[in-house]
Amino acid sequence: MQNRIKNDDNINKAWAFANALKANGMNGVEITAMLNEHGYKTSRGCQYYHQTTMRLLK
């Protein structure tokens, strides 16, 4: 399962976007909102929730 996620281009783009937002001082709730506003989806095609975003940033 981990290899599938690592090879998922959408997840990699979401990870890079989220880390850039975090570097600019945004908190988890704000990052979650931005991910959803920009149309990023989880590996299962769902919207991001706070906990999902926190896992993405780990």
PDB file of N, CA and C in Angstrom:
ATOM      1  N   MET A   1       0.825  -1.193   0.000  1.00  0.00           N
ATOM      2  CA  MET A   1       0.000   0.000   0.000  1.00  0.00           C
ATOM      3  C   MET A   1       0.866   1.254   0.000  1.00  0.00           C
ATOM      4  N   GLN A   2       1.932   1.281   0.767  1.00  0.00           N
ATOM      5  CA  GLN A   2       2.780   2.460   0.831  1.00  0.00           C
ATOM      6  C   GLN A   2       3.388   2.793  -0.537  1.00  0.00           C
ATOM      7  N   ASN A   3       3.774   1.763  -1.305  1.00  0.00           N
ATOM      8  CA  ASN A   3       4.329   2.013  -2.630  1.00  0.00           C
ATOM      9  C   ASN A   3       3.304   2.655  -3.547  1.00  0.00           C
ATOM     10  N   ARG A   4       2.061   2.228  -3.430  1.00  0.00           N
ATOM     11  CA  ARG A   4       0.994   2.816  -4.248  1.00  0.00           C
ATOM     12  C   ARG A   4       0.849   4.302  -3.949  1.00  0.00           C
ATOM     13  N   ILE A   5       0.905   4.647  -2.663  1.00  0.00           N
ATOM     14  CA  ILE A   5       0.765   6.044  -2.272  1.00  0.00           C
ATOM     15  C   ILE A   5       1.980   6.848  -2.709  1.00  0.00           C
ATOM     16  N   LYS A   6       3.171   6.294  -2.549  1.00  0.00           N
ATOM     17  CA  LYS A   6       4.389   6.997  -2.954  1.00  0.00           C
ATOM     18  C   LYS A   6       4.420   7.248  -4.450  1.00  0.00           C
ATOM     19  N   ASN A   7       3.818   6.363  -5.230  1.00  0.00           N
ATOM     20  CA  ASN A   7       3.808   6.506  -6.681  1.00  0.00           C
ATOM     21  C   ASN A   7       2.609   7.291  -7.192  1.00  0.00           C
ATOM     22  N   ASP A   8       1.733   7.738  -6.305  1.00  0.00           N
ATOM     23  CA  ASP A   8       0.543   8.505  -6.688  1.00  0.00           C
ATOM     24  C   ASP A   8       0.950   9.958  -6.920  1.00  0.00           C
ATOM     25  N   ASP A   9       0.882  10.394  -8.167  1.00  0.00           N
ATOM     26  CA  ASP A   9       1.312  11.745  -8.529  1.00  0.00           C
ATOM     27  C   ASP A   9       0.488  12.814  -7.813  1.00  0.00           C
ATOM     28  N   ASN A  10      -0.819  12.581  -7.648  1.00  0.00           N
ATOM     29  CA  ASN A  10      -1.678  13.555  -6.976  1.00  0.00           C
ATOM     30  C   ASN A  10      -1.267  13.732  -5.512  1.00  0.00           C
ATOM     31  N   ILE A  11      -0.933  12.626  -4.851  1.00  0.00           N
ATOM     32  CA  ILE A  11      -0.507  12.693  -3.451  1.00  0.00           C
ATOM     33  C   ILE A  11       0.813  13.447  -3.346  1.00  0.00           C
ATOM     34  N   ASN A  12       1.732  13.183  -4.261  1.00  0.00           N
ATOM     35  CA  ASN A  12       3.019  13.877  -4.240  1.00  0.00           C
ATOM     36  C   ASN A  12       2.850  15.379  -4.449  1.00  0.00           C
ATOM     37  N   LYS A  13       1.951  15.761  -5.335  1.00  0.00           N
ATOM     38  CA  LYS A  13       1.684  17.186  -5.563  1.00  0.00           C
ATOM     39  C   LYS A  13       1.028  17.818  -4.337  1.00  0.00           C
ATOM     40  N   ALA A  14       0.086  17.096  -3.730  1.00  0.00           N
ATOM     41  CA  ALA A  14      -0.578  17.598  -2.530  1.00  0.00           C
ATOM     42  C   ALA A  14       0.427  17.755  -1.398  1.00  0.00           C
ATOM     43  N   TRP A  15       1.344  16.791  -1.259  1.00  0.00           N
ATOM     44  CA  TRP A  15       2.371  16.846  -0.218  1.00  0.00           C
ATOM     45  C   TRP A  15       3.262  18.078  -0.408  1.00  0.00           C
ATOM     46  N   ALA A  16       3.704  18.313  -1.637  1.00  0.00           N
ATOM     47  CA  ALA A  16       4.559  19.466  -1.920  1.00  0.00           C
ATOM     48  C   ALA A  16       3.812  20.771  -1.654  1.00  0.00           C
ATOM     49  N   PHE A  17       2.566  20.848  -2.079  1.00  0.00           N
ATOM     50  CA  PHE A  17       1.750  22.041  -1.866  1.00  0.00           C
ATOM     51  C   PHE A  17       1.547  22.294  -0.375  1.00  0.00           C
ATOM     52  N   ALA A  18       1.200  21.246   0.364  1.00  0.00           N
ATOM     53  CA  ALA A  18       0.960  21.373   1.804  1.00  0.00           C
ATOM     54  C   ALA A  18       2.221  21.794   2.543  1.00  0.00           C
ATOM     55  N   ASN A  19       3.359  21.233   2.172  1.00  0.00           N
ATOM     56  CA  ASN A  19       4.611  21.610   2.828  1.00  0.00           C
ATOM     57  C   ASN A  19       5.005  23.049   2.517  1.00  0.00           C
ATOM     58  N   ALA A  20       4.727  23.511   1.317  1.00  0.00           N
ATOM     59  CA  ALA A  20       5.000  24.913   0.978  1.00  0.00           C
ATOM     60  C   ALA A  20       4.123  25.847   1.811  1.00  0.00           C
ATOM     61  N   LEU A  21       2.861  25.471   1.987  1.00  0.00           N
ATOM     62  CA  LEU A  21       1.960  26.283   2.802  1.00  0.00           C
ATOM     63  C   LEU A  21       2.414  26.290   4.262  1.00  0.00           C
ATOM     64  N   LYS A  22       2.843  25.137   4.748  1.00  0.00           N
ATOM     65  CA  LYS A  22       3.327  25.038   6.130  1.00  0.00           C
ATOM     66  C   LYS A  22       4.569  25.909   6.323  1.00  0.00           C
ATOM     67  N   ALA A  23       5.456  25.910   5.343  1.00  0.00           N
ATOM     68  CA  ALA A  23       6.669  26.728   5.414  1.00  0.00           C
ATOM     69  C   ALA A  23       6.336  28.217   5.433  1.00  0.00           C
ATOM     70  N   ASN A  24       5.180  28.573   4.864  1.00  0.00           N
ATOM     71  CA  ASN A  24       4.742  29.973   4.865  1.00  0.00           C
ATOM     72  C   ASN A  24       3.946  30.330   6.112  1.00  0.00           C
ATOM     73  N   GLY A  25       3.886  29.401   7.076  1.00  0.00           N
ATOM     74  CA  GLY A  25       3.281  29.711   8.360  1.00  0.00           C
ATOM     75  C   GLY A  25       1.817  29.341   8.523  1.00  0.00           C
ATOM     76  N   MET A  26       1.247  28.620   7.586  1.00  0.00           N
ATOM     77  CA  MET A  26      -0.161  28.230   7.718  1.00  0.00           C
ATOM     78  C   MET A  26      -0.285  27.061   8.684  1.00  0.00           C
ATOM     79  N   ASN A  27      -1.417  27.002   9.373  1.00  0.00           N
ATOM     80  CA  ASN A  27      -1.658  25.883  10.285  1.00  0.00           C
ATOM     81  C   ASN A  27      -2.417  24.774   9.549  1.00  0.00           C
ATOM     82  N   GLY A  28      -2.641  23.663  10.238  1.00  0.00           N
ATOM     83  CA  GLY A  28      -3.263  22.497   9.625  1.00  0.00           C
ATOM     84  C   GLY A  28      -4.651  22.742   9.076  1.00  0.00           C
ATOM     85  N   VAL A  29      -5.450  23.507   9.787  1.00  0.00           N
ATOM     86  CA  VAL A  29      -6.821  23.790   9.339  1.00  0.00           C
ATOM     87  C   VAL A  29      -6.792  24.622   8.060  1.00  0.00           C
ATOM     88  N   GLU A  30      -5.918  25.603   8.012  1.00  0.00           N
ATOM     89  CA  GLU A  30      -5.799  26.442   6.821  1.00  0.00           C
ATOM     90  C   GLU A  30      -5.279  25.641   5.632  1.00  0.00           C
ATOM     91  N   ILE A  31      -4.308  24.765   5.886  1.00  0.00           N
ATOM     92  CA  ILE A  31      -3.757  23.931   4.818  1.00  0.00           C
ATOM     93  C   ILE A  31      -4.833  23.000   4.276  1.00  0.00           C
ATOM     94  N   THR A  32      -5.625  22.411   5.161  1.00  0.00           N
ATOM     95  CA  THR A  32      -6.717  21.526   4.740  1.00  0.00           C
ATOM     96  C   THR A  32      -7.687  22.276   3.830  1.00  0.00           C
ATOM     97  N   ALA A  33      -8.056  23.473   4.222  1.00  0.00           N
ATOM     98  CA  ALA A  33      -8.970  24.276   3.409  1.00  0.00           C
ATOM     99  C   ALA A  33      -8.372  24.575   2.036  1.00  0.00           C
ATOM    100  N   MET A  34      -7.096  24.899   1.998  1.00  0.00           N
ATOM    101  CA  MET A  34      -6.443  25.210   0.724  1.00  0.00           C
ATOM    102  C   MET A  34      -6.344  23.975  -0.174  1.00  0.00           C
ATOM    103  N   LEU A  35      -6.033  22.825   0.406  1.00  0.00           N
ATOM    104  CA  LEU A  35      -5.974  21.586  -0.384  1.00  0.00           C
ATOM    105  C   LEU A  35      -7.325  21.316  -1.041  1.00  0.00           C
ATOM    106  N   ASN A  36      -8.392  21.469  -0.272  1.00  0.00           N
ATOM    107  CA  ASN A  36      -9.739  21.224  -0.812  1.00  0.00           C
ATOM    108  C   ASN A  36     -10.137  22.276  -1.835  1.00  0.00           C
ATOM    109  N   GLU A  37      -9.795  23.535  -1.583  1.00  0.00           N
ATOM    110  CA  GLU A  37     -10.123  24.606  -2.528  1.00  0.00           C
ATOM    111  C   GLU A  37      -9.433  24.407  -3.875  1.00  0.00           C
ATOM    112  N   HIS A  38      -8.222  23.867  -3.832  1.00  0.00           N
ATOM    113  CA  HIS A  38      -7.458  23.667  -5.065  1.00  0.00           C
ATOM    114  C   HIS A  38      -7.709  22.306  -5.708  1.00  0.00           C
ATOM    115  N   GLY A  39      -8.648  21.546  -5.161  1.00  0.00           N
ATOM    116  CA  GLY A  39      -9.082  20.313  -5.799  1.00  0.00           C
ATOM    117  C   GLY A  39      -8.228  19.086  -5.553  1.00  0.00           C
ATOM    118  N   TYR A  40      -7.350  19.129  -4.577  1.00  0.00           N
ATOM    119  CA  TYR A  40      -6.549  17.943  -4.276  1.00  0.00           C
ATOM    120  C   TYR A  40      -7.429  16.897  -3.616  1.00  0.00           C
ATOM    121  N   LYS A  41      -7.172  15.638  -3.934  1.00  0.00           N
ATOM    122  CA  LYS A  41      -7.930  14.510  -3.386  1.00  0.00           C
ATOM    123  C   LYS A  41      -6.978  13.537  -2.714  1.00  0.00           C
ATOM    124  N   THR A  42      -7.502  12.777  -1.751  1.00  0.00           N
ATOM    125  CA  THR A  42      -6.717  11.745  -1.095  1.00  0.00           C
ATOM    126  C   THR A  42      -6.511  10.580  -2.066  1.00  0.00           C
ATOM    127  N   SER A  43      -5.772   9.577  -1.632  1.00  0.00           N
ATOM    128  CA  SER A  43      -5.525   8.428  -2.499  1.00  0.00           C
ATOM    129  C   SER A  43      -6.805   7.681  -2.840  1.00  0.00           C
ATOM    130  N   ARG A  44      -7.842   7.858  -2.035  1.00  0.00           N
ATOM    131  CA  ARG A  44      -9.134   7.220  -2.302  1.00  0.00           C
ATOM    132  C   ARG A  44     -10.118   8.146  -3.015  1.00  0.00           C
ATOM    133  N   GLY A  45      -9.634   9.323  -3.397  1.00  0.00           N
ATOM    134  CA  GLY A  45     -10.468  10.247  -4.147  1.00  0.00           C
ATOM    135  C   GLY A  45     -11.392  11.110  -3.308  1.00  0.00           C
ATOM    136  N   CYS A  46     -11.124  11.192  -2.011  1.00  0.00           N
ATOM    137  CA  CYS A  46     -11.968  11.973  -1.104  1.00  0.00           C
ATOM    138  C   CYS A  46     -11.340  13.332  -0.822  1.00  0.00           C
ATOM    139  N   GLN A  47     -12.109  14.190  -0.202  1.00  0.00           N
ATOM    140  CA  GLN A  47     -11.564  15.487   0.199  1.00  0.00           C
ATOM    141  C   GLN A  47     -10.668  15.308   1.421  1.00  0.00           C
ATOM    142  N   TYR A  48      -9.856  16.312   1.686  1.00  0.00           N
ATOM    143  CA  TYR A  48      -8.979  16.269   2.853  1.00  0.00           C
ATOM    144  C   TYR A  48      -9.710  16.746   4.090  1.00  0.00           C
ATOM    145  N   TYR A  49      -9.422  16.094   5.190  1.00  0.00           N
ATOM    146  CA  TYR A  49      -9.876  16.509   6.508  1.00  0.00           C
ATOM    147  C   TYR A  49      -8.627  16.816   7.321  1.00  0.00           C
ATOM    148  N   HIS A  50      -8.808  17.474   8.451  1.00  0.00           N
ATOM    149  CA  HIS A  50      -7.664  17.893   9.255  1.00  0.00           C
ATOM    150  C   HIS A  50      -6.717  16.725   9.552  1.00  0.00           C
ATOM    151  N   GLN A  51      -7.266  15.608   9.991  1.00  0.00           N
ATOM    152  CA  GLN A  51      -6.427  14.457  10.334  1.00  0.00           C
ATOM    153  C   GLN A  51      -5.693  13.908   9.106  1.00  0.00           C
ATOM    154  N   THR A  52      -6.344  13.909   7.966  1.00  0.00           N
ATOM    155  CA  THR A  52      -5.710  13.435   6.736  1.00  0.00           C
ATOM    156  C   THR A  52      -4.549  14.339   6.367  1.00  0.00           C
ATOM    157  N   THR A  53      -4.740  15.634   6.535  1.00  0.00           N
ATOM    158  CA  THR A  53      -3.683  16.597   6.246  1.00  0.00           C
ATOM    159  C   THR A  53      -2.502  16.388   7.191  1.00  0.00           C
ATOM    160  N   MET A  54      -2.782  16.153   8.460  1.00  0.00           N
ATOM    161  CA  MET A  54      -1.702  15.936   9.418  1.00  0.00           C
ATOM    162  C   MET A  54      -0.898  14.680   9.067  1.00  0.00           C
ATOM    163  N   ARG A  55      -1.577  13.646   8.579  1.00  0.00           N
ATOM    164  CA  ARG A  55      -0.875  12.435   8.148  1.00  0.00           C
ATOM    165  C   ARG A  55      -0.021  12.722   6.910  1.00  0.00           C
ATOM    166  N   LEU A  56      -0.542  13.542   6.012  1.00  0.00           N
ATOM    167  CA  LEU A  56       0.183  13.897   4.803  1.00  0.00           C
ATOM    168  C   LEU A  56       1.477  14.640   5.140  1.00  0.00           C
ATOM    169  N   LEU A  57       1.415  15.478   6.158  1.00  0.00           N
ATOM    170  CA  LEU A  57       2.579  16.301   6.524  1.00  0.00           C
ATOM    171  C   LEU A  57       3.623  15.552   7.350  1.00  0.00           C
ATOM    172  N   LYS A  58       3.290  14.350   7.830  1.00  0.00           N
ATOM    173  CA  LYS A  58       4.256  13.569   8.619  1.00  0.00           C
ATOM    174  C   LYS A  58       5.431  13.146   7.797  1.00  0.00           C
TER     175      LYS A  58
END
